[in-house]
């Protein structure tokens, strides 16, 4: 194990083959991760001739072995969210900071969180995976921020048990605006049968996209509210962004004044399409919402949203 050397390599896939869990690694060298999503960084790295010629696949236990040989940064913050609500804006602002490693929605973490591994083995693999992501590949990194997939709010108790001292926040938005976004271009968790079993399932039959999205969104917001109330998550509304990065989010992420200004400088660009300028779209989404969608959102998602708002405003008043 002492001879194990994975410097410059990052896990990009974890899967089970013939009863054994495997890890697929990709060479990143010292390239920073600036892309809005980890999968985009992976796609770019896989285009390198080196990665087309050489691949590394190892047993799952290699994650813990590599952590023992070369411990990476422990996570300094987790970002959980309701989807389409500004979490990518936050992660992209932080990714501008040279001393930050930001990993946005890495598929291997989702795989482990929702796997059928025994609890002890799964926790060791999660710790090893995040240690691999926290390697100081450029020598200047000081903090590791992980943004999870929206549905991982269901696995938050497991992740918090692995990292009980790591602060976390839950980003959300007016549910009608989120619902319109998913009607335009549905995320995996808003397409029946695409994601598999998760906390968003309610056992009710599918009777229409508007109803399905509203029900799932309600469960997502309620899970976020519950965990914020029970385990100290910071509730953050999209309406606070991006200015909050110079206020309470700067404090949350422990940014100094210079870092806060540097992070805010990236807020003018569209978070998911950095080549485009950001344009607020809340009004247009509300105008686009049909009467049917409004009714379903009011029935399923308005109450947990308002409960989150009460929690957030209470925190702001303290």
Protein backbone atom coordinates (compact mmCIF):
# COMPACT_ATOMS: atom_id res chain seq x y z
CA UNK A 1 0.00 0.00 0.00
CA UNK A 2 2.89 2.37 0.71
CA UNK A 3 3.81 2.29 -3.01
CA UNK A 4 0.31 3.34 -4.07
CA UNK A 5 0.49 6.58 -6.06
CA UNK A 6 -2.65 8.25 -7.45
CA UNK A 7 -1.41 11.83 -7.49
CA UNK A 8 -3.24 13.70 -10.22
CA UNK A 9 -5.94 11.04 -10.55
CA UNK A 10 -9.58 11.50 -9.46
CA UNK A 11 -12.38 8.93 -9.15
CA UNK A 12 -14.96 9.43 -11.90
CA UNK A 13 -17.13 6.32 -11.64
CA UNK A 14 -17.98 3.68 -9.07
CA UNK A 15 -19.88 0.61 -10.10
CA UNK A 16 -20.50 -3.02 -9.22
CA UNK A 17 -19.26 -5.71 -11.60
CA UNK A 18 -19.66 -9.44 -11.01
CA UNK A 19 -20.39 -8.76 -7.37
CA UNK A 20 -17.35 -6.56 -6.77
CA UNK A 21 -17.31 -2.77 -6.44
CA UNK A 22 -14.83 -0.98 -8.70
CA UNK A 23 -13.48 2.55 -9.09
CA UNK A 24 -12.67 4.18 -12.43
CA UNK A 25 -9.98 6.91 -12.19
CA UNK A 26 -9.16 9.71 -14.63
CA UNK A 27 -5.97 11.77 -14.91
CA UNK A 28 -6.52 15.47 -14.15
CA UNK A 29 -2.97 16.40 -13.25
CA UNK A 30 -2.98 19.83 -11.62
CA UNK A 31 -5.87 21.22 -13.69
CA UNK A 32 -8.33 23.17 -11.52
CA UNK A 33 -12.01 22.20 -11.56
CA UNK A 34 -13.80 25.31 -12.82
CA UNK A 35 -16.69 23.68 -14.70
CA UNK A 36 -20.25 24.09 -13.34
CA UNK A 37 -20.55 20.31 -12.84
CA UNK A 38 -18.01 17.59 -12.14
CA UNK A 39 -19.31 15.53 -15.06
CA UNK A 40 -18.31 18.35 -17.42
CA UNK A 41 -14.79 18.34 -16.01
CA UNK A 42 -14.70 14.58 -16.51
CA UNK A 43 -15.88 14.85 -20.12
CA UNK A 44 -13.16 17.40 -20.83
CA UNK A 45 -10.44 15.35 -19.14
CA UNK A 46 -11.42 12.19 -21.01
CA UNK A 47 -10.67 13.96 -24.29
CA UNK A 48 -6.97 14.11 -23.38
CA UNK A 49 -4.94 11.59 -25.42
CA UNK A 50 -3.40 10.27 -22.20
CA UNK A 51 -6.82 9.38 -20.77
CA UNK A 52 -7.86 7.77 -24.03
CA UNK A 53 -4.79 5.54 -23.95
CA UNK A 54 -4.49 4.83 -20.22
CA UNK A 55 -7.19 4.06 -17.68
CA UNK A 56 -6.93 3.01 -14.06
CA UNK A 57 -9.52 0.77 -12.47
CA UNK A 58 -9.14 -0.40 -8.90
CA UNK A 59 -11.12 -2.18 -6.19
CA UNK A 60 -13.27 0.03 -3.96
CA UNK A 61 -10.86 -0.57 -1.08
CA UNK A 62 -8.26 1.54 -2.93
CA UNK A 63 -10.15 4.67 -1.85
CA UNK A 64 -9.38 3.96 1.81
CA UNK A 65 -5.86 2.81 0.96
CA UNK A 66 -5.12 6.05 -0.90
CA UNK A 67 -6.54 8.09 1.98
CA UNK A 68 -4.18 6.31 4.36
CA UNK A 69 -1.18 7.01 2.11
CA UNK A 70 -2.14 10.58 1.15
CA UNK A 71 -4.92 12.12 3.28
CA UNK A 72 -6.74 14.85 1.40
CA UNK A 73 -8.54 17.88 2.73
CA UNK A 74 -11.61 17.11 4.80
CA UNK A 75 -14.79 18.77 3.49
CA UNK A 76 -15.14 22.33 4.75
CA UNK A 77 -18.78 22.69 3.63
CA UNK A 78 -21.59 20.80 1.92
CA UNK A 79 -24.13 22.44 -0.38
CA UNK A 80 -27.54 20.78 -0.55
CA UNK A 81 -30.36 22.25 -2.59
CA UNK A 82 -33.83 21.99 -4.08
CA UNK A 83 -32.50 22.13 -7.70
CA UNK A 84 -32.71 25.05 -10.13
CA UNK A 85 -32.36 27.45 -7.21
CA UNK A 86 -28.90 29.05 -7.24
CA UNK A 87 -26.70 26.31 -5.78
CA UNK A 88 -24.61 26.23 -8.95
CA UNK A 89 -24.17 29.99 -8.70
CA UNK A 90 -22.74 29.54 -5.20
CA UNK A 91 -20.43 26.70 -6.24
CA UNK A 92 -19.21 28.62 -9.29
CA UNK A 93 -18.44 31.71 -7.23
CA UNK A 94 -16.37 29.58 -4.85
CA UNK A 95 -14.63 27.81 -7.73
CA UNK A 96 -13.05 31.14 -8.67
CA UNK A 97 -10.99 31.03 -5.48
CA UNK A 98 -7.58 29.41 -5.95
CA UNK A 99 -7.51 27.93 -2.46
CA UNK A 100 -10.86 26.16 -2.93
CA UNK A 101 -11.60 22.77 -4.44
CA UNK A 102 -15.25 22.66 -5.49
CA UNK A 103 -16.75 19.34 -6.57
CA UNK A 104 -20.24 19.79 -7.95
CA UNK A 105 -22.62 16.81 -7.98
CA UNK A 106 -20.05 14.02 -8.42
CA UNK A 107 -21.77 10.84 -9.60
CA UNK A 108 -19.48 8.52 -7.56
CA UNK A 109 -20.66 10.12 -4.32
CA UNK A 110 -24.31 9.65 -5.28
CA UNK A 111 -23.56 6.03 -6.13
CA UNK A 112 -22.04 5.37 -2.71
CA UNK A 113 -24.71 7.26 -0.79
CA UNK A 114 -27.47 5.19 -2.40
CA UNK A 115 -25.59 1.89 -2.62
CA UNK A 116 -26.37 -1.37 -0.83
CA UNK A 117 -22.91 -1.60 0.70
CA UNK A 118 -22.69 -2.57 4.39
CA UNK A 119 -22.70 0.56 6.52
CA UNK A 120 -19.08 0.38 7.73
CA UNK A 121 -17.75 -0.30 4.24
CA UNK A 122 -19.88 2.43 2.72
CA UNK A 123 -18.72 5.04 5.25
CA UNK A 124 -15.08 4.12 4.65
CA UNK A 125 -15.57 4.40 0.90
CA UNK A 126 -17.28 7.81 1.22
CA UNK A 127 -14.47 9.11 3.41
CA UNK A 128 -11.89 7.77 0.96
CA UNK A 129 -13.70 9.24 -2.04
CA UNK A 130 -13.86 12.74 -0.58
CA UNK A 131 -10.23 12.44 0.54
CA UNK A 132 -9.34 11.69 -3.09
CA UNK A 133 -11.24 14.78 -4.21
CA UNK A 134 -9.51 16.79 -1.49
CA UNK A 135 -5.98 16.09 -2.73
CA UNK A 136 -3.86 19.24 -3.05
CA UNK A 137 -3.07 18.74 -6.71
CA UNK A 138 -1.78 22.32 -7.15
CA UNK A 139 -0.32 22.75 -3.68
CA UNK A 140 -2.37 25.83 -2.71
CA UNK A 141 -5.73 24.33 -1.84
CA UNK A 142 -7.06 24.87 1.68
CA UNK A 143 -10.78 24.07 1.49
CA UNK A 144 -12.97 21.43 -0.09
CA UNK A 145 -16.62 22.21 -0.86
CA UNK A 146 -18.97 19.48 -2.09
CA UNK A 147 -22.26 20.23 -3.81
CA UNK A 148 -24.59 17.24 -3.79
CA UNK A 149 -27.37 16.24 -6.14
CA UNK A 150 -30.77 17.58 -5.11
CA UNK A 151 -32.18 14.17 -4.20
CA UNK A 152 -29.26 13.46 -1.86
CA UNK A 153 -31.16 15.35 0.84
CA UNK A 154 -32.50 11.87 1.53
CA UNK A 155 -29.01 10.59 2.32
CA UNK A 156 -27.98 13.60 4.38
CA UNK A 157 -28.12 11.76 7.75
CA UNK A 158 -25.59 9.23 6.43
CA UNK A 159 -23.24 11.90 5.08
CA UNK A 160 -23.52 13.95 8.24
CA UNK A 161 -22.68 10.88 10.29
CA UNK A 162 -19.49 10.59 8.22
CA UNK A 163 -18.63 14.29 8.68
CA UNK A 164 -20.49 15.47 11.80
CA UNK A 165 -18.52 18.70 12.17
CA UNK A 166 -18.83 19.94 8.58
CA UNK A 167 -21.24 22.88 8.14
CA UNK A 168 -23.86 22.69 5.43
CA UNK A 169 -26.51 24.77 3.79
CA UNK A 170 -29.75 24.14 1.91
CA UNK A 171 -30.52 26.41 -1.04
CA UNK A 172 -34.09 26.74 -2.28
CA UNK A 173 -36.36 29.01 -4.28
CA UNK A 174 -40.01 29.81 -4.82
CA UNK A 175 -41.35 26.35 -5.78
CA UNK A 176 -43.36 27.68 -8.73
CA UNK A 177 -40.17 28.95 -10.36
CA UNK A 178 -38.42 25.61 -9.75
CA UNK A 179 -41.39 23.70 -11.17
CA UNK A 180 -41.45 25.78 -14.36
CA UNK A 181 -37.75 25.09 -14.87
CA UNK A 182 -38.35 21.34 -14.60
CA UNK A 183 -41.28 21.52 -16.99
CA UNK A 184 -38.99 23.21 -19.50
CA UNK A 185 -36.13 20.75 -19.01
CA UNK A 186 -36.74 18.10 -16.35
CA UNK A 187 -33.95 16.95 -14.11
CA UNK A 188 -33.42 13.23 -13.52
CA UNK A 189 -35.40 13.30 -10.30
CA UNK A 190 -38.40 14.82 -12.07
CA UNK A 191 -38.77 12.05 -14.67
CA UNK A 192 -40.71 8.96 -13.51
CA UNK A 193 -38.50 5.89 -13.25
CA UNK A 194 -35.23 7.58 -14.26
CA UNK A 195 -33.60 7.96 -10.86
CA UNK A 196 -34.62 4.84 -8.99
CA UNK A 197 -35.75 4.67 -5.38
CA UNK A 198 -35.16 7.87 -3.41
CA UNK A 199 -36.64 10.03 -0.66
CA UNK A 200 -38.83 11.84 -3.21
CA UNK A 201 -40.98 8.77 -3.85
CA UNK A 202 -44.48 8.98 -2.36
CA UNK A 203 -46.00 5.80 -3.78
CA UNK A 204 -48.76 7.64 -5.63
CA UNK A 205 -49.53 6.94 -9.30
CA UNK A 206 -48.34 9.23 -12.08
CA UNK A 207 -51.25 11.34 -13.32
CA UNK A 208 -49.43 14.17 -15.07
CA UNK A 209 -46.14 16.07 -15.17
CA UNK A 210 -47.41 19.08 -13.23
CA UNK A 211 -48.71 16.92 -10.40
CA UNK A 212 -45.61 14.71 -10.33
CA UNK A 213 -43.14 17.61 -10.25
CA UNK A 214 -45.10 19.47 -7.58
CA UNK A 215 -45.35 16.40 -5.35
CA UNK A 216 -41.65 15.64 -5.60
CA UNK A 217 -40.73 19.25 -5.06
CA UNK A 218 -42.86 19.36 -1.94
CA UNK A 219 -41.14 16.31 -0.51
CA UNK A 220 -37.72 17.75 -1.35
CA UNK A 221 -38.45 21.07 0.35
CA UNK A 222 -39.93 19.34 3.38
CA UNK A 223 -36.86 17.12 3.73
CA UNK A 224 -34.65 20.20 3.51
CA UNK A 225 -36.70 21.98 6.16
CA UNK A 226 -36.65 19.00 8.47
CA UNK A 227 -32.90 18.54 8.28
CA UNK A 228 -32.19 22.26 8.59
CA UNK A 229 -34.28 22.37 11.75
CA UNK A 230 -32.89 19.16 13.22
CA UNK A 231 -29.21 19.33 12.31
CA UNK A 232 -28.28 22.97 11.95
CA UNK A 233 -28.32 23.53 8.21
CA UNK A 234 -28.28 27.11 6.97
CA UNK A 235 -31.41 27.87 4.91
CA UNK A 236 -30.58 30.12 1.93
CA UNK A 237 -33.16 31.54 -0.45
CA UNK A 238 -32.28 32.24 -4.07
CA UNK A 239 -33.53 35.79 -3.48
CA UNK A 240 -30.45 36.42 -1.30
CA UNK A 241 -28.03 35.71 -4.15
CA UNK A 242 -25.49 36.74 -5.15
CA UNK A 243 -25.18 39.52 -2.55
CA UNK A 244 -25.17 37.08 0.36
CA UNK A 245 -21.70 35.96 -0.71
CA UNK A 246 -20.43 39.24 0.71
CA UNK A 247 -22.55 38.80 3.85
CA UNK A 248 -23.66 35.75 5.74
CA UNK A 249 -22.35 33.30 3.13
CA UNK A 250 -18.91 34.87 3.39
CA UNK A 251 -19.06 34.14 7.10
CA UNK A 252 -20.40 30.63 6.49
CA UNK A 253 -17.61 29.77 4.03
CA UNK A 254 -15.04 31.69 6.11
CA UNK A 255 -14.05 34.03 3.29
CA UNK A 256 -12.07 37.19 3.87
CA UNK A 257 -13.08 40.46 2.22
CA UNK A 258 -10.83 39.94 -0.79
CA UNK A 259 -12.16 36.44 -1.38
CA UNK A 260 -15.73 37.67 -1.07
CA UNK A 261 -15.13 40.29 -3.75
CA UNK A 262 -13.40 37.77 -5.99
CA UNK A 263 -16.29 35.32 -5.62
CA UNK A 264 -18.88 38.01 -6.34
CA UNK A 265 -17.03 39.01 -9.50
CA UNK A 266 -18.22 35.78 -11.10
CA UNK A 267 -21.90 36.37 -10.42
CA UNK A 268 -22.43 38.39 -13.60
CA UNK A 269 -22.02 35.24 -15.70
CA UNK A 270 -24.65 32.54 -16.06
CA UNK A 271 -23.64 29.84 -13.55
CA UNK A 272 -24.41 26.87 -15.80
CA UNK A 273 -23.36 28.57 -19.06
CA UNK A 274 -20.38 30.74 -18.08
CA UNK A 275 -20.06 32.19 -21.60
CA UNK A 276 -23.42 33.92 -21.17
CA UNK A 277 -24.42 36.83 -18.95
CA UNK A 278 -26.79 36.15 -16.06
CA UNK A 279 -30.34 37.44 -16.49
CA UNK A 280 -32.88 37.16 -13.65
CA UNK A 281 -35.75 34.94 -14.78
CA UNK A 282 -38.09 34.73 -11.80
CA UNK A 283 -40.76 36.98 -13.28
CA UNK A 284 -40.76 35.21 -16.63
CA UNK A 285 -41.08 31.81 -14.97
CA UNK A 286 -44.03 32.92 -12.87
CA UNK A 287 -45.75 34.34 -15.97
CA UNK A 288 -45.14 31.08 -17.81
CA UNK A 289 -46.72 28.92 -15.11
CA UNK A 290 -50.09 27.47 -16.07
CA UNK A 291 -53.13 27.57 -13.82
CA UNK A 292 -52.82 23.78 -13.41
CA UNK A 293 -49.18 23.98 -12.32
CA UNK A 294 -49.95 26.79 -9.90
CA UNK A 295 -52.69 24.72 -8.28
CA UNK A 296 -50.46 21.67 -7.84
CA UNK A 297 -47.56 23.70 -6.45
CA UNK A 298 -49.84 25.47 -3.97
CA UNK A 299 -51.22 22.14 -2.81
CA UNK A 300 -47.94 20.22 -2.55
CA UNK A 301 -45.02 22.60 -2.15
CA UNK A 302 -46.14 25.96 -0.81
CA UNK A 303 -46.39 24.91 2.82
CA UNK A 304 -42.84 23.47 3.15
CA UNK A 305 -41.47 26.48 1.28
CA UNK A 306 -43.12 28.87 3.72
CA UNK A 307 -41.84 26.79 6.64
CA UNK A 308 -38.32 27.11 5.26
CA UNK A 309 -38.82 30.85 4.95
CA UNK A 310 -39.86 31.09 8.59
CA UNK A 311 -36.76 29.17 9.59
CA UNK A 312 -34.52 31.38 7.46
CA UNK A 313 -36.02 34.63 8.70
CA UNK A 314 -35.68 33.45 12.29
CA UNK A 315 -31.98 32.79 11.69
CA UNK A 316 -31.55 36.20 10.08
CA UNK A 317 -33.16 37.87 13.08
CA UNK A 318 -30.76 36.25 15.56
